[in-house]
């Protein structure tokens, strides 16, 4: 005989409060990198919230799903859900959720190299959080704005954003964010030549990360220590730190971070005239960045590949990658007009498909085709280069 739960008990699991408790569990799964488990639970909550017509919980579940998709590198789906959630949050005048969605959109666009749009989104996000007087969210947004300035190699502006982030955080207890701000600040102080300050901030960051047991950010701080040692003319120490960061990033399947670390590892090899080792790392990094369409990384990798082929005397490949780096640079710096994500007045919100985002660009199909052709050419060149190297080795 089957026993049914009492009706009151069943209904109690479908209240907004109960569903929000389950969304907290989704966050716990995400913090442990258990993305599939988190996604199943978030989708279950979304289905129930829609069935019960709990609009606010629907939006909260969409946010959790989008963030999980972001960590799984399913960027098109993440962007679509973030657009829908932002539109709905604005329609319902949920300012805090609107800020969360817009901030996540800014980070996503930054990750994909759409830096002008990312910067505009995050400046708007910061204004919303300042209106709400939420210092942790203000600090987090300033941190992300610093990351964009660093990607644009505008180090004075990046330093200013990170310092502002730390001032927003003040005495608020959030060691994870404080560690990130300290590590990022150190990273941009290094190319600015302020090495002693950078080392102090990295020491503080690492102490917090070790206390938290945070391998993802710890790997990034090892990477920053590698950059510091490189600037201090300690190449062997730099190489070991980069390798340590890379091992941790690969264990976490953090492809984006691993690609950036391979870039720096290759640069160090190139400085030591280990050109073959450098090219080996760059080819792996380029493939990873290409899959993610990470334009700022592709720009830097292509520039370093041009330098490497200059050392090998392969002038054709040197020119090709130099031109390609210039093209990626123009893409990351192009002055995009940020179009409103909200629907026009007097119209119902529409679901925006990934191909419509950043609309107003009538040449998107042509540009997409151009990128595909470029990637095919790159692949053929790399394969031919590897074949020729192997052939030369046998002679």
Protein backbone atom coordinates (compact mmCIF):
# COMPACT_ATOMS: atom_id res chain seq x y z
CA UNK A 1 0.00 0.00 0.00
CA UNK A 2 1.33 3.48 -0.92
CA UNK A 3 1.20 6.26 1.64
CA UNK A 4 0.67 9.85 0.48
CA UNK A 5 2.04 12.85 2.29
CA UNK A 6 -0.57 14.96 4.07
CA UNK A 7 -1.78 17.78 1.83
CA UNK A 8 -0.43 20.44 4.21
CA UNK A 9 3.08 18.92 4.10
CA UNK A 10 3.00 18.76 0.30
CA UNK A 11 1.86 22.38 0.05
CA UNK A 12 4.53 23.51 2.50
CA UNK A 13 7.24 22.38 0.06
CA UNK A 14 5.73 24.63 -2.64
CA UNK A 15 5.72 27.92 -0.75
CA UNK A 16 8.01 30.73 -1.93
CA UNK A 17 10.06 30.39 1.27
CA UNK A 18 10.59 26.64 0.74
CA UNK A 19 11.60 27.17 -2.88
CA UNK A 20 14.07 29.88 -1.90
CA UNK A 21 15.62 27.45 0.60
CA UNK A 22 16.17 25.04 -2.29
CA UNK A 23 17.77 27.79 -4.34
CA UNK A 24 20.24 28.24 -1.47
CA UNK A 25 21.09 24.56 -1.95
CA UNK A 26 21.69 25.31 -5.63
CA UNK A 27 24.28 27.90 -4.58
CA UNK A 28 25.91 25.32 -2.32
CA UNK A 29 26.17 22.86 -5.22
CA UNK A 30 27.71 25.58 -7.39
CA UNK A 31 30.30 26.47 -4.76
CA UNK A 32 31.39 22.80 -4.80
CA UNK A 33 31.54 22.74 -8.63
CA UNK A 34 28.62 20.27 -8.65
CA UNK A 35 26.94 21.96 -11.58
CA UNK A 36 24.75 19.11 -12.83
CA UNK A 37 23.22 18.54 -9.39
CA UNK A 38 22.64 22.27 -9.01
CA UNK A 39 21.03 22.51 -12.45
CA UNK A 40 18.57 19.67 -11.75
CA UNK A 41 17.45 21.30 -8.51
CA UNK A 42 17.21 24.80 -10.04
CA UNK A 43 15.11 23.54 -12.96
CA UNK A 44 12.79 21.74 -10.53
CA UNK A 45 12.32 24.94 -8.53
CA UNK A 46 11.71 26.90 -11.75
CA UNK A 47 8.99 24.48 -12.88
CA UNK A 48 7.19 24.63 -9.51
CA UNK A 49 7.47 28.45 -9.31
CA UNK A 50 5.97 28.79 -12.78
CA UNK A 51 3.19 26.35 -11.90
CA UNK A 52 2.37 28.33 -8.76
CA UNK A 53 2.85 31.68 -10.56
CA UNK A 54 5.46 32.92 -8.07
CA UNK A 55 6.94 35.49 -10.47
CA UNK A 56 9.77 36.63 -8.21
CA UNK A 57 10.90 33.07 -7.48
CA UNK A 58 10.79 32.31 -11.21
CA UNK A 59 13.23 35.17 -11.78
CA UNK A 60 15.48 34.02 -8.91
CA UNK A 61 15.57 30.48 -10.34
CA UNK A 62 16.41 31.83 -13.81
CA UNK A 63 19.34 33.70 -12.29
CA UNK A 64 20.71 30.54 -10.64
CA UNK A 65 20.32 28.58 -13.88
CA UNK A 66 22.10 31.30 -15.89
CA UNK A 67 25.02 31.41 -13.44
CA UNK A 68 25.36 27.62 -13.60
CA UNK A 69 25.36 27.81 -17.41
CA UNK A 70 28.05 30.48 -17.20
CA UNK A 71 30.28 28.22 -15.10
CA UNK A 72 29.60 25.36 -17.53
CA UNK A 73 30.72 27.72 -20.33
CA UNK A 74 27.33 27.50 -22.06
CA UNK A 75 27.50 31.23 -22.70
CA UNK A 76 24.69 31.52 -25.27
CA UNK A 77 22.15 29.93 -22.93
CA UNK A 78 23.42 31.95 -19.98
CA UNK A 79 23.08 35.20 -21.90
CA UNK A 80 19.55 34.37 -23.08
CA UNK A 81 18.36 33.57 -19.53
CA UNK A 82 20.04 36.67 -18.14
CA UNK A 83 18.35 38.86 -20.75
CA UNK A 84 14.93 37.36 -20.00
CA UNK A 85 15.43 37.60 -16.23
CA UNK A 86 16.60 41.22 -16.46
CA UNK A 87 13.58 42.21 -18.53
CA UNK A 88 11.21 40.55 -16.07
CA UNK A 89 12.92 42.03 -13.01
CA UNK A 90 12.68 45.51 -14.51
CA UNK A 91 9.03 44.98 -15.41
CA UNK A 92 8.24 43.98 -11.82
CA UNK A 93 10.39 46.86 -10.46
CA UNK A 94 12.68 44.46 -8.54
CA UNK A 95 15.70 46.75 -8.38
CA UNK A 96 18.02 44.38 -6.51
CA UNK A 97 17.37 41.51 -8.91
CA UNK A 98 17.70 43.88 -11.88
CA UNK A 99 21.15 44.83 -10.62
CA UNK A 100 22.13 41.17 -10.15
CA UNK A 101 21.12 40.29 -13.71
CA UNK A 102 22.74 43.34 -15.27
CA UNK A 103 25.96 42.71 -13.34
CA UNK A 104 26.04 39.10 -14.51
CA UNK A 105 25.46 40.24 -18.10
CA UNK A 106 28.39 42.64 -17.76
CA UNK A 107 30.69 39.87 -16.52
CA UNK A 108 29.57 37.56 -19.33
CA UNK A 109 30.24 40.19 -22.00
CA UNK A 110 33.64 40.88 -20.42
CA UNK A 111 34.50 37.18 -20.53
CA UNK A 112 33.57 37.08 -24.23
CA UNK A 113 35.64 40.17 -25.02
CA UNK A 114 32.73 42.55 -25.64
CA UNK A 115 34.41 45.08 -23.40
CA UNK A 116 32.54 48.26 -24.35
CA UNK A 117 29.16 46.68 -23.64
CA UNK A 118 30.46 45.00 -20.48
CA UNK A 119 31.81 48.27 -19.11
CA UNK A 120 28.55 50.12 -19.79
CA UNK A 121 26.47 47.35 -18.17
CA UNK A 122 28.64 47.31 -15.05
CA UNK A 123 28.68 51.10 -14.64
CA UNK A 124 24.87 50.97 -14.68
CA UNK A 125 24.98 48.06 -12.22
CA UNK A 126 27.17 50.00 -9.82
CA UNK A 127 24.71 52.90 -9.88
CA UNK A 128 21.87 50.52 -8.95
CA UNK A 129 23.83 49.01 -6.05
CA UNK A 130 24.82 52.47 -4.80
CA UNK A 131 21.12 53.38 -4.83
CA UNK A 132 20.41 50.22 -2.80
CA UNK A 133 23.38 50.95 -0.45
CA UNK A 134 24.81 47.43 -0.79
CA UNK A 135 28.56 47.73 -0.12
CA UNK A 136 29.49 44.11 -0.94
CA UNK A 137 27.74 44.29 -4.31
CA UNK A 138 29.33 47.69 -4.97
CA UNK A 139 32.76 46.24 -4.19
CA UNK A 140 32.15 43.21 -6.41
CA UNK A 141 31.06 45.42 -9.32
CA UNK A 142 34.10 47.69 -8.89
CA UNK A 143 36.24 44.53 -8.95
CA UNK A 144 34.73 43.51 -12.29
CA UNK A 145 35.14 47.03 -13.72
CA UNK A 146 38.80 46.81 -12.72
CA UNK A 147 39.06 43.52 -14.62
CA UNK A 148 37.72 45.20 -17.77
CA UNK A 149 40.18 48.09 -17.47
CA UNK A 150 42.98 45.55 -17.00
CA UNK A 151 41.83 43.68 -20.14
CA UNK A 152 42.07 47.01 -21.99
CA UNK A 153 45.56 47.46 -20.44
CA UNK A 154 44.42 50.69 -18.81
CA UNK A 155 46.28 49.95 -15.58
CA UNK A 156 45.83 53.32 -13.79
CA UNK A 157 42.05 53.05 -14.25
CA UNK A 158 42.11 49.40 -13.11
CA UNK A 159 44.07 50.36 -9.97
CA UNK A 160 41.47 53.04 -9.22
CA UNK A 161 38.58 50.55 -9.54
CA UNK A 162 40.23 47.96 -7.26
CA UNK A 163 41.07 50.61 -4.64
CA UNK A 164 37.46 51.83 -4.79
CA UNK A 165 36.29 48.24 -4.38
CA UNK A 166 38.35 47.82 -1.23
CA UNK A 167 37.01 51.14 0.12
CA UNK A 168 33.42 50.02 -0.58
CA UNK A 169 34.12 46.78 1.28
CA UNK A 170 35.76 48.60 4.22
CA UNK A 171 35.29 46.51 7.38
CA UNK A 172 32.56 44.29 5.90
CA UNK A 173 33.32 40.61 6.49
CA UNK A 174 33.80 39.07 3.07
CA UNK A 175 37.24 37.48 2.89
CA UNK A 176 36.62 35.86 -0.50
CA UNK A 177 35.94 39.18 -2.23
CA UNK A 178 38.69 40.96 -0.29
CA UNK A 179 41.19 38.31 -1.41
CA UNK A 180 40.10 38.73 -5.04
CA UNK A 181 40.41 42.52 -4.90
CA UNK A 182 43.86 42.31 -3.30
CA UNK A 183 45.13 39.79 -5.86
CA UNK A 184 43.72 41.77 -8.78
CA UNK A 185 45.17 45.01 -7.46
CA UNK A 186 48.57 43.36 -7.19
CA UNK A 187 48.28 42.09 -10.77
CA UNK A 188 47.92 45.60 -12.23
CA UNK A 189 50.55 47.09 -9.92
CA UNK A 190 53.11 44.69 -11.45
CA UNK A 191 53.14 46.18 -15.00
CA UNK A 192 53.01 49.60 -13.34
CA UNK A 193 56.39 48.81 -11.75
CA UNK A 194 55.13 48.91 -8.15
CA UNK A 195 56.52 45.47 -7.30
CA UNK A 196 56.97 45.83 -3.53
CA UNK A 197 53.37 46.92 -3.05
CA UNK A 198 52.21 44.10 -5.33
CA UNK A 199 54.02 41.46 -3.27
CA UNK A 200 52.45 42.75 -0.04
CA UNK A 201 48.96 42.53 -1.52
CA UNK A 202 49.62 39.04 -2.93
CA UNK A 203 50.80 37.82 0.48
CA UNK A 204 47.60 39.16 2.07
CA UNK A 205 45.47 37.59 -0.65
CA UNK A 206 47.11 34.17 -0.38
CA UNK A 207 46.73 34.15 3.42
CA UNK A 208 42.97 34.71 3.03
CA UNK A 209 42.61 32.11 0.26
CA UNK A 210 44.48 29.46 2.25
CA UNK A 211 42.21 30.15 5.22
CA UNK A 212 39.14 29.82 2.98
CA UNK A 213 40.44 26.72 1.18
CA UNK A 214 39.61 28.41 -2.13
CA UNK A 215 41.54 26.61 -4.93
CA UNK A 216 40.13 28.65 -7.82
CA UNK A 217 41.30 32.01 -6.47
CA UNK A 218 44.42 30.47 -4.98
CA UNK A 219 45.43 29.32 -8.48
CA UNK A 220 44.94 32.85 -9.75
CA UNK A 221 47.14 34.27 -7.00
CA UNK A 222 49.88 31.74 -7.87
CA UNK A 223 49.57 33.06 -11.44
CA UNK A 224 50.02 36.63 -10.18
CA UNK A 225 53.02 35.58 -8.10
CA UNK A 226 54.43 34.11 -11.33
CA UNK A 227 54.07 37.48 -13.05
CA UNK A 228 55.77 39.17 -10.11
CA UNK A 229 58.74 36.77 -10.18
CA UNK A 230 59.02 37.26 -13.93
CA UNK A 231 59.26 41.03 -13.45
CA UNK A 232 61.85 40.42 -10.73
CA UNK A 233 63.98 38.49 -13.29
CA UNK A 234 63.45 35.14 -11.56
CA UNK A 235 62.31 33.07 -14.57
CA UNK A 236 62.61 29.60 -13.05
CA UNK A 237 60.49 30.61 -10.05
CA UNK A 238 57.99 32.21 -12.42
CA UNK A 239 57.74 29.04 -14.51
CA UNK A 240 57.13 26.86 -11.46
CA UNK A 241 54.40 29.20 -10.16
CA UNK A 242 52.67 29.28 -13.56
CA UNK A 243 52.80 25.48 -13.76
CA UNK A 244 51.37 25.20 -10.25
CA UNK A 245 48.50 27.55 -11.17
CA UNK A 246 47.88 25.63 -14.41
CA UNK A 247 47.69 22.25 -12.64
CA UNK A 248 45.06 23.60 -10.25
CA UNK A 249 43.07 25.24 -13.04
CA UNK A 250 43.04 22.05 -15.10
CA UNK A 251 41.84 20.05 -12.09
CA UNK A 252 38.97 22.56 -11.76
CA UNK A 253 38.24 22.45 -15.55
CA UNK A 254 38.70 26.23 -15.51
CA UNK A 255 39.48 26.53 -19.23
CA UNK A 256 39.39 30.32 -19.34
CA UNK A 257 41.92 30.74 -16.52
CA UNK A 258 44.09 27.90 -17.83
CA UNK A 259 44.27 29.56 -21.26
CA UNK A 260 45.48 32.81 -19.66
CA UNK A 261 48.09 30.96 -17.61
CA UNK A 262 49.40 29.14 -20.70
CA UNK A 263 49.83 32.55 -22.34
CA UNK A 264 52.09 33.74 -19.53
CA UNK A 265 53.92 30.40 -19.40
CA UNK A 266 54.60 30.73 -23.12
CA UNK A 267 55.83 34.30 -22.69
CA UNK A 268 58.31 33.14 -20.07
CA UNK A 269 59.53 30.32 -22.34
CA UNK A 270 59.97 32.83 -25.16
CA UNK A 271 62.03 35.13 -22.94
CA UNK A 272 64.30 32.13 -22.28
CA UNK A 273 64.54 31.38 -26.05
CA UNK A 274 62.59 28.14 -25.56
CA UNK A 275 60.52 28.94 -28.64
CA UNK A 276 59.24 25.41 -29.33
CA UNK A 277 57.93 25.13 -25.75
CA UNK A 278 56.30 28.54 -26.12
CA UNK A 279 54.55 27.61 -29.38
CA UNK A 280 53.33 24.34 -27.89
CA UNK A 281 51.61 26.19 -25.02
CA UNK A 282 50.28 28.92 -27.33
CA UNK A 283 48.65 26.46 -29.72
CA UNK A 284 46.73 24.85 -26.83
CA UNK A 285 45.78 28.24 -25.41
CA UNK A 286 44.62 29.51 -28.80
CA UNK A 287 42.32 26.52 -29.34
CA UNK A 288 40.78 26.95 -25.88
CA UNK A 289 40.28 30.71 -26.29
CA UNK A 290 38.81 30.18 -29.76
CA UNK A 291 36.18 27.78 -28.41
CA UNK A 292 35.20 30.36 -25.80
CA UNK A 293 35.41 33.27 -28.28
CA UNK A 294 37.50 35.08 -25.63
CA UNK A 295 38.58 38.01 -27.80
CA UNK A 296 40.98 39.72 -25.39
CA UNK A 297 42.81 36.42 -24.83
CA UNK A 298 42.88 35.68 -28.57
CA UNK A 299 44.38 39.15 -29.12
CA UNK A 300 47.24 38.53 -26.67
CA UNK A 301 47.87 34.94 -27.78
CA UNK A 302 48.02 35.94 -31.45
CA UNK A 303 50.46 38.78 -30.66
CA UNK A 304 52.76 36.39 -28.80
CA UNK A 305 52.53 33.81 -31.61
CA UNK A 306 53.65 36.53 -34.04
CA UNK A 307 56.63 37.22 -31.80
CA UNK A 308 57.45 33.50 -31.57
CA UNK A 309 57.32 32.99 -35.34
CA UNK A 310 59.52 36.06 -35.71
CA UNK A 311 62.13 34.22 -33.65
CA UNK A 312 61.87 31.10 -35.84
CA UNK A 313 62.22 33.18 -38.99
CA UNK A 314 58.82 32.18 -40.38
CA UNK A 315 57.91 35.63 -41.66
CA UNK A 316 54.61 34.59 -43.27
CA UNK A 317 53.21 33.23 -40.03
CA UNK A 318 54.67 36.17 -38.11
CA UNK A 319 52.78 38.65 -40.35
CA UNK A 320 49.62 36.56 -40.29
CA UNK A 321 49.41 36.41 -36.49
CA UNK A 322 50.41 40.07 -36.13
CA UNK A 323 47.51 41.06 -38.41
CA UNK A 324 45.19 38.69 -36.57
CA UNK A 325 46.18 40.22 -33.22
CA UNK A 326 45.37 43.65 -34.64
CA UNK A 327 41.95 42.46 -35.78
CA UNK A 328 41.15 40.99 -32.36
CA UNK A 329 42.35 44.24 -30.74
CA UNK A 330 39.95 46.26 -32.89
CA UNK A 331 37.12 43.92 -31.89
CA UNK A 332 37.80 44.29 -28.16
CA UNK A 333 38.12 48.07 -28.37
CA UNK A 334 35.38 48.88 -30.84
CA UNK A 335 33.08 51.62 -29.61
CA UNK A 336 29.80 49.73 -29.46
CA UNK A 337 26.62 51.69 -28.83
CA UNK A 338 24.94 50.02 -25.89
CA UNK A 339 21.35 49.42 -26.92
CA UNK A 340 18.69 49.05 -24.24
CA UNK A 341 17.95 45.53 -23.12
CA UNK A 342 14.46 46.52 -22.00
CA UNK A 343 11.56 46.26 -24.45
CA UNK A 344 10.08 49.44 -25.86
CA UNK A 345 7.31 51.16 -23.85
CA UNK A 346 3.77 49.82 -24.29
CA UNK A 347 5.08 46.42 -25.40
CA UNK A 348 5.21 43.11 -23.61
CA UNK A 349 8.71 41.78 -22.80
CA UNK A 350 10.14 39.55 -25.51
CA UNK A 351 12.49 36.62 -25.15
CA UNK A 352 15.75 37.71 -26.74
CA UNK A 353 17.59 34.96 -28.58
CA UNK A 354 21.40 34.87 -28.35
CA UNK A 355 21.83 35.91 -32.00
CA UNK A 356 19.80 39.07 -31.42
CA UNK A 357 21.91 40.35 -28.52
CA UNK A 358 23.89 43.50 -29.21
CA UNK A 359 21.36 44.08 -32.00
CA UNK A 360 21.60 46.89 -34.52
CA UNK A 361 24.45 45.06 -36.26
CA UNK A 362 23.10 44.11 -39.68
CA UNK A 363 26.40 42.54 -40.65
CA UNK A 364 26.39 39.91 -37.88
CA UNK A 365 25.91 36.89 -40.27
CA UNK A 366 28.75 38.16 -42.47
CA UNK A 367 31.05 38.71 -39.50
CA UNK A 368 30.22 35.29 -38.06
CA UNK A 369 31.07 33.69 -41.42
CA UNK A 370 34.33 35.67 -41.54
CA UNK A 371 35.30 34.45 -38.06
CA UNK A 372 34.56 30.83 -39.04
CA UNK A 373 36.70 31.15 -42.19
CA UNK A 374 39.53 32.74 -40.18
CA UNK A 375 39.42 29.94 -37.61
CA UNK A 376 39.56 27.31 -40.39
CA UNK A 377 42.57 29.07 -41.93
CA UNK A 378 44.28 29.22 -38.55
CA UNK A 379 43.67 25.51 -38.02
CA UNK A 380 45.10 24.63 -41.43
CA UNK A 381 48.16 26.82 -40.85
CA UNK A 382 48.83 25.30 -37.44
CA UNK A 383 48.45 21.73 -38.79
CA UNK A 384 50.76 22.49 -41.73
CA UNK A 385 53.30 24.09 -39.40
CA UNK A 386 53.30 21.03 -37.12
CA UNK A 387 53.72 18.73 -40.17
CA UNK A 388 56.65 20.74 -41.49
CA UNK A 389 58.31 20.77 -38.07
CA UNK A 390 58.00 16.99 -37.79
CA UNK A 391 59.35 16.58 -41.31
CA UNK A 392 62.28 18.87 -40.56
CA UNK A 393 63.03 16.89 -37.43
CA UNK A 394 63.43 13.70 -39.45
CA UNK A 395 65.92 15.25 -41.92
